[in-house]
Amino acid sequence: MSNINRVILIVLDSVGVGELPDAAKYNDVGANTLKHIFEQMEEDFVLENMGKLGLYNIIPHPYGYKPEKVIGCYGKMATLSPAKDTTAGHWELAGIVLDKPFPTYPNGFPKELIEEFEKQIGTKVLGNCVASGTEIIQKLGQEHDKTGYPIVYTSADSVFQIAANETTEIFGIKKLYKCCEIARKLLVGEHSVGRVIARPFKIIDGIYTRTPNRKDYSIKPPGQTILDKIRNIKGSVVGIGKISDIFANKGIYISYHTKGNSVGIQKTIDSIVEPQIYQNYYNNTETKDLYPDTTPNERHHLIFTNLVDFDMLWGHRRNVDAYAQGLKFFDRMLPKIMDVMCDNDLLIITADHGCDPTYTKHTDHTREYVPLLVYGPSIKQDVNLGIRKTLSDVAQTIADIFEIEQMKNGTSFKDEIL
């Protein structure tokens, strides 16, 4: 029987570790997010704390650095779903493997779909094309401000993105969110895109600039995730970052919509040590009836964090230096996370896909393996978990550790780490 009753699952959004065997299907041959970042840094660029968990056993340091001791378990995982987007990646981590990809629109959205959207929002739209989000607001921002028409665009991913000036006098954030809600209800059936995304912007120093008030509207996962199964036994799931958006709030007990990696990391630390989460849970009548002889800390909990800046700010924008510094910042904060962990905690660090900032063929996600770093005060050290066939091994392992109903997909690595 496992003594672990809380898992901290941190997704470093887009931190891939090398092309998958089917990368050619996605125009991603040669992509390797971490390796290529490392190669462009100086010799003294070292992620010391992730290295101690086994990172350099997955991606060797280009100048030969190795930690004195590896205290974590390590490996890498393949994405089994036929997709390389955020939603598919997170769903697979939670136990859902897609049998077909979400629809994409390389030539823009169909005329009849856009016309119906325009009818429902009561105005025309601008754009309707594949575009970089930062570039299209420079191109169409002035026309948007003049007409009040929202900007609609997509990418190589399954997304329906709506950009608008969040300044109330021009368009406003509430109106933008309402347009996204309308789009989400409209995009069903054959047009069930993975996400509708609100992309607010405003003029800063004379330049159209995105603001942090982005909001994602995902479809609900087609089946029970590990989040649902934990909630089914009255366990708590804390979603940090855009987790609740990705899962359409399904299976979430508490959600913190953080803006930026630094806030997300701090909220993760706070959630580990914050007694109010478990006190609220303890006071829940259903929970007390289900676990009459246990304390809050003896029940099952999942803290699920997404750190999006790696992808949104640095990967897509091909900013290698900023990406590297973001990794360095997370590495510096990692000991603070580990220091507040209890003996019955398990930390899993991984990613959902790649987004190689050095890749020149496109600026979209890259089809890559993702890292798997596992640490806990009561688990084994320096264990090679190998190459896992699916991201769902994470969900299956959590289910196995918590001794709850098995997931449909994935193979547990519980026995390898305990």
Protein backbone atom coordinates (compact mmCIF):
# COMPACT_ATOMS: atom_id res chain seq x y z
CA MET A 1 0.00 0.00 0.00
CA SER A 2 1.36 3.42 -0.97
CA ASN A 3 1.79 6.15 1.63
CA ILE A 4 1.67 8.85 -1.05
CA ASN A 5 -1.59 10.76 -0.97
CA ARG A 6 -0.73 14.00 -2.77
CA VAL A 7 0.73 14.53 -6.25
CA ILE A 8 2.10 17.85 -7.51
CA LEU A 9 2.00 17.69 -11.32
CA ILE A 10 3.78 20.59 -13.06
CA VAL A 11 3.60 21.01 -16.84
CA LEU A 12 6.40 23.09 -18.34
CA ASP A 13 4.32 24.01 -21.38
CA SER A 14 6.18 23.14 -24.60
CA VAL A 15 9.47 21.91 -23.07
CA GLY A 16 10.08 19.05 -25.49
CA VAL A 17 13.11 16.74 -25.55
CA GLY A 18 13.40 15.56 -29.16
CA GLU A 19 11.39 14.62 -32.21
CA LEU A 20 8.96 11.72 -32.09
CA PRO A 21 9.26 8.93 -34.70
CA ASP A 22 6.27 10.38 -36.60
CA ALA A 23 7.58 13.97 -36.58
CA ALA A 24 7.71 14.04 -40.38
CA LYS A 25 3.90 13.91 -40.52
CA TYR A 26 3.86 17.19 -38.59
CA ASN A 27 6.71 18.92 -40.48
CA ASP A 28 8.83 18.72 -37.31
CA VAL A 29 11.85 16.62 -38.28
CA GLY A 30 14.88 17.73 -36.31
CA ALA A 31 13.00 19.58 -33.56
CA ASN A 32 14.42 19.32 -30.04
CA THR A 33 13.41 22.18 -27.77
CA LEU A 34 15.72 21.61 -24.81
CA LYS A 35 18.74 20.34 -26.74
CA HIS A 36 18.77 23.31 -29.09
CA ILE A 37 18.34 25.82 -26.25
CA PHE A 38 21.23 24.21 -24.37
CA GLU A 39 23.43 24.33 -27.46
CA GLN A 40 22.92 28.08 -27.86
CA MET A 41 23.83 28.86 -24.26
CA GLU A 42 27.28 29.35 -22.76
CA GLU A 43 29.12 26.54 -20.99
CA ASP A 44 28.10 27.78 -17.54
CA PHE A 45 24.36 27.58 -18.32
CA VAL A 46 23.29 24.74 -16.05
CA LEU A 47 19.87 23.75 -14.72
CA GLU A 48 21.38 22.36 -11.57
CA ASN A 49 18.24 21.37 -9.68
CA MET A 50 16.45 19.73 -12.60
CA GLY A 51 19.77 18.07 -13.30
CA LYS A 52 19.65 16.51 -9.83
CA LEU A 53 16.27 15.04 -10.74
CA GLY A 54 17.75 13.44 -13.85
CA LEU A 55 17.28 16.01 -16.63
CA TYR A 56 20.79 15.52 -18.03
CA ASN A 57 20.17 11.78 -18.22
CA ILE A 58 17.45 12.64 -20.75
CA ILE A 59 19.19 15.48 -22.62
CA PRO A 60 22.98 15.45 -22.07
CA HIS A 61 24.57 18.81 -21.30
CA PRO A 62 26.45 19.95 -24.44
CA TYR A 63 29.57 20.70 -22.40
CA GLY A 64 29.48 17.51 -20.34
CA TYR A 65 28.06 18.75 -17.02
CA LYS A 66 26.64 16.05 -14.76
CA PRO A 67 25.32 16.38 -11.20
CA GLU A 68 27.20 14.62 -8.43
CA LYS A 69 24.07 12.72 -7.48
CA VAL A 70 20.68 12.10 -9.09
CA ILE A 71 17.91 12.13 -6.51
CA GLY A 72 14.93 11.74 -8.84
CA CYS A 73 13.54 9.24 -11.33
CA TYR A 74 13.65 10.20 -14.99
CA GLY A 75 12.58 9.24 -18.50
CA LYS A 76 10.69 10.63 -21.44
CA MET A 77 7.21 10.10 -22.81
CA ALA A 78 5.70 9.95 -26.28
CA THR A 79 2.40 11.53 -27.24
CA LEU A 80 0.05 8.81 -28.48
CA SER A 81 -2.74 11.14 -29.60
CA PRO A 82 -2.49 12.22 -33.27
CA ALA A 83 -2.02 15.86 -32.26
CA LYS A 84 0.56 18.25 -30.84
CA ASP A 85 -1.59 20.86 -29.14
CA THR A 86 -2.07 21.93 -25.54
CA THR A 87 -5.48 20.36 -25.06
CA ALA A 88 -4.53 16.97 -26.48
CA GLY A 89 -1.31 16.93 -24.44
CA HIS A 90 -2.95 17.78 -21.12
CA TRP A 91 -5.86 15.42 -21.73
CA GLU A 92 -3.41 12.60 -22.44
CA LEU A 93 -1.50 13.36 -19.24
CA ALA A 94 -4.86 13.00 -17.50
CA GLY A 95 -5.64 9.68 -19.19
CA ILE A 96 -7.53 10.58 -22.38
CA VAL A 97 -5.93 9.55 -25.70
CA LEU A 98 -7.60 11.02 -28.78
CA ASP A 99 -8.40 8.67 -31.66
CA LYS A 100 -8.45 11.52 -34.16
CA PRO A 101 -7.04 15.06 -34.12
CA PHE A 102 -9.08 18.17 -33.51
CA PRO A 103 -10.03 19.96 -36.77
CA THR A 104 -7.64 22.57 -38.13
CA TYR A 105 -8.20 25.29 -40.71
CA PRO A 106 -5.09 26.05 -42.80
CA ASN A 107 -7.18 28.17 -45.19
CA GLY A 108 -9.28 29.94 -42.59
CA PHE A 109 -12.72 28.99 -41.35
CA PRO A 110 -15.54 28.10 -43.77
CA LYS A 111 -17.61 31.00 -45.05
CA GLU A 112 -20.88 29.64 -43.66
CA LEU A 113 -19.33 29.22 -40.19
CA ILE A 114 -18.02 32.78 -40.11
CA GLU A 115 -21.32 34.16 -41.39
CA GLU A 116 -23.22 32.39 -38.61
CA PHE A 117 -20.72 33.67 -36.03
CA GLU A 118 -21.12 37.22 -37.37
CA LYS A 119 -24.88 36.86 -37.19
CA GLN A 120 -24.77 35.75 -33.56
CA ILE A 121 -22.36 38.47 -32.38
CA GLY A 122 -24.11 41.17 -34.45
CA THR A 123 -21.06 42.43 -36.32
CA LYS A 124 -18.59 41.56 -39.06
CA VAL A 125 -15.13 40.10 -38.28
CA LEU A 126 -11.67 40.85 -39.58
CA GLY A 127 -9.00 38.39 -40.59
CA ASN A 128 -10.28 34.81 -40.81
CA CYS A 129 -6.83 33.51 -41.71
CA VAL A 130 -3.84 31.64 -40.33
CA ALA A 131 -1.64 34.18 -38.59
CA SER A 132 0.79 34.96 -35.82
CA GLY A 133 -1.16 36.52 -32.96
CA THR A 134 1.40 39.27 -32.39
CA GLU A 135 1.62 40.12 -36.09
CA ILE A 136 -2.09 40.17 -36.92
CA ILE A 137 -2.90 42.77 -34.27
CA GLN A 138 -0.26 45.04 -35.79
CA LYS A 139 -1.77 44.49 -39.21
CA LEU A 140 -5.46 44.81 -38.30
CA GLY A 141 -5.41 46.61 -34.94
CA GLN A 142 -6.09 50.05 -36.38
CA GLU A 143 -8.97 48.80 -38.54
CA HIS A 144 -10.38 46.97 -35.52
CA ASP A 145 -10.26 50.14 -33.43
CA LYS A 146 -12.00 52.05 -36.21
CA THR A 147 -14.76 49.53 -37.02
CA GLY A 148 -15.21 47.65 -33.76
CA TYR A 149 -14.97 44.35 -35.67
CA PRO A 150 -13.18 41.57 -33.72
CA ILE A 151 -10.19 39.87 -35.33
CA VAL A 152 -10.60 36.14 -35.95
CA TYR A 153 -7.63 33.95 -36.80
CA THR A 154 -6.20 30.47 -36.30
CA SER A 155 -2.87 28.63 -36.44
CA ALA A 156 -1.59 25.15 -37.17
CA ASP A 157 -3.34 24.11 -33.94
CA SER A 158 -7.05 23.53 -33.52
CA VAL A 159 -7.90 27.00 -32.25
CA PHE A 160 -10.47 29.70 -33.00
CA GLN A 161 -8.79 32.84 -31.70
CA ILE A 162 -10.54 36.17 -31.24
CA ALA A 163 -8.46 39.28 -30.69
CA ALA A 164 -9.91 42.61 -29.60
CA ASN A 165 -8.90 45.78 -27.83
CA GLU A 166 -9.73 45.33 -24.15
CA THR A 167 -10.25 49.09 -23.75
CA THR A 168 -13.96 49.41 -23.02
CA GLU A 169 -14.48 52.45 -25.24
CA ILE A 170 -13.24 50.47 -28.24
CA PHE A 171 -14.39 46.89 -27.58
CA GLY A 172 -13.86 45.76 -23.98
CA ILE A 173 -12.86 42.57 -22.24
CA LYS A 174 -16.42 41.56 -21.28
CA LYS A 175 -17.58 41.82 -24.89
CA LEU A 176 -14.59 39.78 -26.04
CA TYR A 177 -15.31 37.02 -23.55
CA LYS A 178 -18.97 37.01 -24.62
CA CYS A 179 -17.94 36.59 -28.27
CA CYS A 180 -15.77 33.63 -27.23
CA GLU A 181 -18.66 32.03 -25.35
CA ILE A 182 -20.81 32.36 -28.48
CA ALA A 183 -18.06 30.84 -30.61
CA ARG A 184 -17.61 27.93 -28.21
CA LYS A 185 -21.30 27.04 -28.42
CA LEU A 186 -21.19 27.35 -32.20
CA LEU A 187 -18.09 25.22 -32.73
CA VAL A 188 -19.48 21.72 -32.25
CA GLY A 189 -19.71 18.55 -34.31
CA GLU A 190 -17.29 18.61 -37.23
CA HIS A 191 -16.08 22.04 -36.10
CA SER A 192 -15.28 21.05 -32.50
CA VAL A 193 -11.98 22.90 -32.27
CA GLY A 194 -9.83 22.17 -29.25
CA ARG A 195 -9.95 25.70 -27.93
CA VAL A 196 -11.56 29.07 -28.46
CA ILE A 197 -9.11 31.67 -27.16
CA ALA A 198 -9.74 35.27 -26.15
CA ARG A 199 -6.71 37.35 -27.14
CA PRO A 200 -7.13 40.84 -25.65
CA PHE A 201 -4.71 43.61 -26.53
CA LYS A 202 -4.28 47.36 -26.13
CA ILE A 203 -1.97 50.10 -27.29
CA ILE A 204 1.17 50.44 -25.14
CA ASP A 205 3.75 53.04 -26.17
CA GLY A 206 2.09 53.31 -29.56
CA ILE A 207 2.26 49.55 -30.25
CA TYR A 208 -0.58 47.05 -30.24
CA THR A 209 0.37 44.71 -27.40
CA ARG A 210 -1.25 41.60 -25.98
CA THR A 211 -2.34 41.81 -22.35
CA PRO A 212 -2.32 38.98 -19.74
CA ASN A 213 -6.12 38.68 -19.81
CA ARG A 214 -6.16 35.76 -22.22
CA LYS A 215 -8.88 33.18 -21.60
CA ASP A 216 -9.27 29.69 -23.08
CA TYR A 217 -12.57 27.93 -23.75
CA SER A 218 -12.00 24.19 -24.25
CA ILE A 219 -14.44 21.43 -24.99
CA LYS A 220 -15.01 18.90 -22.24
CA PRO A 221 -12.86 15.75 -22.30
CA PRO A 222 -14.68 12.76 -23.85
CA GLY A 223 -14.57 10.52 -20.81
CA GLN A 224 -13.31 10.44 -17.26
CA THR A 225 -9.87 11.86 -16.55
CA ILE A 226 -7.75 11.23 -13.49
CA LEU A 227 -9.16 14.53 -12.20
CA ASP A 228 -12.69 13.10 -12.35
CA LYS A 229 -11.66 9.87 -10.68
CA ILE A 230 -10.03 11.74 -7.79
CA ARG A 231 -13.14 13.85 -7.38
CA ASN A 232 -15.30 10.71 -7.55
CA ILE A 233 -13.69 9.53 -4.31
CA LYS A 234 -14.07 13.04 -2.85
CA GLY A 235 -10.43 13.89 -3.36
CA SER A 236 -9.39 17.45 -4.15
CA VAL A 237 -7.96 18.73 -7.43
CA VAL A 238 -6.34 22.18 -7.50
CA GLY A 239 -5.87 23.63 -10.99
CA ILE A 240 -3.23 26.37 -11.39
CA GLY A 241 -2.74 28.46 -14.52
CA LYS A 242 -5.02 27.49 -17.39
CA ILE A 243 -5.77 23.96 -16.15
CA SER A 244 -9.44 24.64 -15.50
CA ASP A 245 -9.76 26.18 -18.98
CA ILE A 246 -8.15 23.15 -20.64
CA PHE A 247 -10.50 20.76 -18.83
CA ALA A 248 -13.57 23.03 -19.07
CA ASN A 249 -13.49 23.09 -15.24
CA LYS A 250 -14.37 19.39 -15.18
CA GLY A 251 -12.94 17.60 -12.15
CA ILE A 252 -11.53 20.78 -10.57
CA TYR A 253 -12.11 21.51 -6.88
CA ILE A 254 -10.28 24.86 -6.70
CA SER A 255 -8.93 26.89 -9.61
CA TYR A 256 -6.34 29.66 -9.63
CA HIS A 257 -6.10 31.53 -12.93
CA THR A 258 -2.55 32.77 -12.60
CA LYS A 259 -0.86 35.08 -15.09
CA GLY A 260 2.74 34.18 -15.80
CA ASN A 261 5.15 31.51 -14.64
CA SER A 262 6.37 33.30 -11.52
CA VAL A 263 2.86 33.65 -10.12
CA GLY A 264 2.02 30.08 -11.08
CA ILE A 265 5.09 28.72 -9.31
CA GLN A 266 4.34 30.73 -6.18
CA LYS A 267 0.71 29.62 -6.17
CA THR A 268 1.90 26.02 -6.46
CA ILE A 269 4.08 26.51 -3.38
CA ASP A 270 1.20 28.20 -1.55
CA SER A 271 -1.14 25.34 -2.45
CA ILE A 272 1.28 22.79 -1.02
CA VAL A 273 1.49 24.56 2.33
CA GLU A 274 -1.93 26.24 2.47
CA PRO A 275 -4.03 24.52 5.16
CA GLN A 276 -7.24 26.24 4.11
CA ILE A 277 -7.64 23.96 1.07
CA TYR A 278 -7.65 20.85 3.24
CA GLN A 279 -9.57 22.48 6.10
CA ASN A 280 -12.37 23.38 3.68
CA TYR A 281 -12.24 19.84 2.45
CA TYR A 282 -12.34 18.41 5.95
CA ASN A 283 -15.42 20.48 6.74
CA ASN A 284 -17.29 19.05 3.74
CA THR A 285 -20.00 16.75 5.13
CA GLU A 286 -19.78 14.26 2.27
CA THR A 287 -16.02 13.97 2.69
CA LYS A 288 -16.24 13.41 6.45
CA ASP A 289 -18.84 10.70 5.90
CA LEU A 290 -16.69 9.00 3.27
CA TYR A 291 -13.49 9.16 5.33
CA PRO A 292 -14.76 9.03 8.95
CA ASP A 293 -11.42 7.88 10.40
CA THR A 294 -8.99 10.03 8.43
CA THR A 295 -7.58 13.52 8.65
CA PRO A 296 -7.48 15.86 5.62
CA ASN A 297 -3.81 15.06 4.97
CA GLU A 298 -4.58 11.34 4.69
CA ARG A 299 -6.88 11.79 1.71
CA HIS A 300 -6.01 12.04 -1.96
CA HIS A 301 -5.07 15.36 -3.54
CA LEU A 302 -3.72 16.56 -6.89
CA ILE A 303 -2.13 19.95 -7.50
CA PHE A 304 -2.02 20.40 -11.29
CA THR A 305 -0.03 23.39 -12.61
CA ASN A 306 0.53 24.70 -16.13
CA LEU A 307 3.39 27.15 -16.70
CA VAL A 308 2.43 28.69 -20.04
CA ASP A 309 5.12 31.33 -20.58
CA PHE A 310 7.55 28.80 -22.07
CA ASP A 311 5.09 28.24 -24.91
CA MET A 312 3.14 31.47 -25.29
CA LEU A 313 5.85 34.06 -24.71
CA TRP A 314 9.05 32.34 -25.77
CA GLY A 315 8.47 29.21 -27.87
CA HIS A 316 6.05 30.60 -30.43
CA ARG A 317 7.93 33.89 -30.55
CA ARG A 318 11.24 32.10 -31.10
CA ASN A 319 12.90 33.87 -28.20
CA VAL A 320 15.67 31.45 -27.26
CA ASP A 321 17.33 33.64 -24.63
CA ALA A 322 14.08 34.38 -22.80
CA TYR A 323 13.12 30.70 -22.95
CA ALA A 324 16.48 29.79 -21.40
CA GLN A 325 16.11 32.37 -18.65
CA GLY A 326 12.61 31.07 -17.95
CA LEU A 327 14.04 27.59 -17.48
CA LYS A 328 16.71 29.04 -15.21
CA PHE A 329 14.09 30.80 -13.09
CA PHE A 330 12.05 27.61 -12.69
CA ASP A 331 15.22 25.73 -11.77
CA ARG A 332 16.01 28.30 -9.07
CA MET A 333 12.50 27.99 -7.66
CA LEU A 334 12.45 24.18 -7.73
CA PRO A 335 14.17 23.76 -4.32
CA LYS A 336 11.49 25.95 -2.76
CA ILE A 337 8.84 23.57 -4.08
CA MET A 338 10.78 20.54 -2.86
CA ASP A 339 11.46 22.06 0.55
CA VAL A 340 7.75 22.44 1.40
CA MET A 341 6.81 18.95 0.25
CA CYS A 342 5.74 16.42 2.87
CA ASP A 343 6.97 12.84 3.14
CA ASN A 344 3.76 11.65 1.50
CA ASP A 345 4.05 13.98 -1.52
CA LEU A 346 5.10 13.12 -5.06
CA LEU A 347 6.34 15.69 -7.59
CA ILE A 348 6.04 15.04 -11.34
CA ILE A 349 7.53 17.53 -13.82
CA THR A 350 6.75 17.09 -17.50
CA ALA A 351 5.44 18.88 -20.61
CA ASP A 352 2.56 18.60 -23.07
CA HIS A 353 4.40 18.95 -26.42
CA GLY A 354 7.40 20.82 -27.83
CA CYS A 355 7.82 24.31 -29.26
CA ASP A 356 11.44 24.52 -30.39
CA PRO A 357 12.35 28.24 -30.44
CA THR A 358 15.20 27.52 -32.88
CA TYR A 359 12.99 25.78 -35.44
CA THR A 360 12.84 27.60 -38.76
CA LYS A 361 10.14 25.77 -40.73
CA HIS A 362 7.27 27.27 -38.71
CA THR A 363 6.45 28.92 -35.39
CA ASP A 364 3.98 26.35 -34.12
CA HIS A 365 4.25 23.48 -31.65
CA THR A 366 6.71 20.70 -32.45
CA ARG A 367 6.00 16.98 -32.24
CA GLU A 368 8.41 15.84 -29.53
CA TYR A 369 8.92 13.55 -26.61
CA VAL A 370 8.39 15.27 -23.26
CA PRO A 371 10.55 14.92 -20.14
CA LEU A 372 9.48 12.91 -17.12
CA LEU A 373 11.09 13.92 -13.82
CA VAL A 374 9.75 12.36 -10.62
CA TYR A 375 10.75 13.18 -7.06
CA GLY A 376 9.51 12.48 -3.58
CA PRO A 377 11.03 12.14 -0.10
CA SER A 378 9.82 8.54 0.09
CA ILE A 379 10.55 7.28 -3.45
CA LYS A 380 13.61 5.66 -5.01
CA GLN A 381 16.47 7.71 -6.46
CA ASP A 382 18.32 7.58 -9.77
CA VAL A 383 15.84 5.28 -11.52
CA ASN A 384 15.64 5.32 -15.31
CA LEU A 385 11.95 5.08 -16.24
CA GLY A 386 12.84 4.69 -19.91
CA ILE A 387 10.77 5.77 -22.89
CA ARG A 388 7.09 5.69 -22.06
CA LYS A 389 4.62 4.96 -24.86
CA THR A 390 2.05 7.53 -23.79
CA LEU A 391 1.66 10.60 -21.60
CA SER A 392 -1.21 8.72 -19.94
CA ASP A 393 1.35 6.75 -17.93
CA VAL A 394 1.22 9.74 -15.57
CA ALA A 395 -2.53 9.36 -14.98
CA GLN A 396 -2.27 5.59 -14.62
CA THR A 397 0.51 5.95 -12.06
CA ILE A 398 -1.52 8.41 -10.00
CA ALA A 399 -4.52 6.08 -10.11
CA ASP A 400 -2.29 3.17 -9.06
CA ILE A 401 -0.71 5.12 -6.20
CA PHE A 402 -4.09 6.35 -4.95
CA GLU A 403 -5.54 2.82 -5.37
CA ILE A 404 -8.53 4.04 -7.35
CA GLU A 405 -10.19 2.82 -10.53
CA GLN A 406 -7.66 2.28 -13.32
CA MET A 407 -7.48 4.54 -16.35
CA LYS A 408 -8.35 3.22 -19.79
CA ASN A 409 -4.93 4.25 -21.10
CA GLY A 410 -1.36 4.16 -19.83
CA THR A 411 1.00 1.92 -17.88
CA SER A 412 1.81 2.70 -14.26
CA PHE A 413 5.41 3.22 -13.16
CA LYS A 414 4.46 3.06 -9.47
CA ASP A 415 6.41 -0.12 -8.79
CA GLU A 416 9.51 1.36 -10.39
CA ILE A 417 9.61 4.39 -8.08
CA LEU A 418 8.36 2.95 -4.77
